[in-house]
Amino acid sequence: MQEAGSSRAKEASGGDERTMVLKFQSVGAKSTTEVLVKSYKPLAQGLETYGKEEGIQTSRLKLVFDGEVLDTNLSPLDLSLEDGDIVDVR
């Protein structure tokens, strides 16, 4: 049985199970921005996509998940992130 989030990411990517949706939320924001990322590519690519969508410079931003700063040179798979996870942007 597939989870709803997994099927949503698969549909959004045209069936590619290696693609997932991460939700980026900036500090103090009540809403999130969904970013489609390749699970095996560096998280930095997802951060760049977020910056373009939000119109912000990403060079000084940090991604935080469960209180830990994420290494954006690692992939979501390397970091054990799952489809639909909310990542804080600081």
Protein backbone atom coordinates (compact mmCIF):
# COMPACT_ATOMS: atom_id res chain seq x y z
CA MET A 1 0.00 0.00 0.00
CA GLN A 2 1.42 3.40 -1.02
CA GLU A 3 1.15 6.50 1.12
CA ALA A 4 -0.73 9.47 -0.33
CA GLY A 5 2.39 11.65 -0.32
CA SER A 6 4.40 9.08 -2.25
CA SER A 7 1.78 8.79 -4.96
CA ARG A 8 1.49 12.60 -5.19
CA ALA A 9 5.22 12.94 -5.76
CA LYS A 10 5.16 10.10 -8.27
CA GLU A 11 2.28 11.74 -10.18
CA ALA A 12 3.95 15.17 -10.10
CA SER A 13 7.16 13.73 -11.51
CA GLY A 14 5.50 11.75 -14.27
CA GLY A 15 5.95 8.45 -12.43
CA ASP A 16 9.58 8.83 -11.35
CA GLU A 17 9.76 7.35 -7.85
CA ARG A 18 13.12 9.04 -7.31
CA THR A 19 11.37 12.41 -7.13
CA MET A 20 9.83 13.71 -3.93
CA VAL A 21 8.13 16.80 -2.55
CA LEU A 22 9.73 18.67 0.34
CA LYS A 23 7.93 21.54 2.05
CA PHE A 24 10.17 24.52 2.79
CA GLN A 25 9.00 26.88 5.53
CA SER A 26 10.77 30.08 6.46
CA VAL A 27 10.95 31.13 10.10
CA GLY A 28 7.78 32.92 11.14
CA ALA A 29 5.86 31.89 8.02
CA LYS A 30 2.54 30.12 8.41
CA SER A 31 2.62 28.57 4.95
CA THR A 32 5.04 26.27 3.18
CA THR A 33 6.42 26.18 -0.34
CA GLU A 34 6.40 22.74 -1.94
CA VAL A 35 9.55 21.96 -3.90
CA LEU A 36 9.92 18.95 -6.18
CA VAL A 37 13.39 17.43 -5.67
CA LYS A 38 15.28 14.40 -6.92
CA SER A 39 15.88 12.16 -3.94
CA TYR A 40 19.43 11.35 -5.09
CA LYS A 41 20.57 14.91 -5.96
CA PRO A 42 22.13 17.38 -3.48
CA LEU A 43 19.61 19.24 -1.36
CA ALA A 44 21.26 22.48 -2.53
CA GLN A 45 19.35 22.10 -5.83
CA GLY A 46 16.04 22.12 -3.97
CA LEU A 47 17.15 25.18 -2.00
CA GLU A 48 17.99 26.99 -5.25
CA THR A 49 14.54 26.14 -6.61
CA TYR A 50 12.98 27.49 -3.42
CA GLY A 51 15.00 30.71 -3.71
CA LYS A 52 13.89 31.26 -7.29
CA GLU A 53 10.24 30.64 -6.44
CA GLU A 54 10.38 33.00 -3.45
CA GLY A 55 12.64 35.57 -5.12
CA ILE A 56 15.31 35.40 -2.41
CA GLN A 57 19.07 34.92 -2.31
CA THR A 58 19.93 31.51 -0.89
CA SER A 59 23.67 31.84 -0.22
CA ARG A 60 23.21 32.59 3.50
CA LEU A 61 20.23 30.33 4.14
CA LYS A 62 20.38 27.18 6.22
CA LEU A 63 18.01 24.25 6.12
CA VAL A 64 16.98 22.76 9.46
CA PHE A 65 15.10 19.52 10.05
CA ASP A 66 14.19 18.23 13.50
CA GLY A 67 16.46 20.86 15.07
CA GLU A 68 19.55 19.88 13.07
CA VAL A 69 21.19 21.95 10.34
CA LEU A 70 21.26 19.94 7.12
CA ASP A 71 24.30 19.58 4.88
CA THR A 72 22.94 20.74 1.51
CA ASN A 73 25.70 18.83 -0.29
CA LEU A 74 23.91 15.62 0.73
CA SER A 75 20.80 14.23 -0.93
CA PRO A 76 17.40 13.78 0.71
CA LEU A 77 18.11 10.03 0.70
CA ASP A 78 21.45 10.57 2.47
CA LEU A 79 19.62 12.64 5.09
CA SER A 80 16.73 10.15 5.49
CA LEU A 81 14.19 12.78 4.42
CA GLU A 82 10.84 11.51 3.27
CA ASP A 83 8.25 12.77 0.82
CA GLY A 84 6.23 15.56 2.41
CA ASP A 85 8.72 16.41 5.15
CA ILE A 86 8.75 20.05 6.29
CA VAL A 87 12.19 21.65 6.30
CA ASP A 88 12.75 24.99 8.05
CA VAL A 89 14.60 27.71 6.13
CA ARG A 90 16.64 30.09 8.27
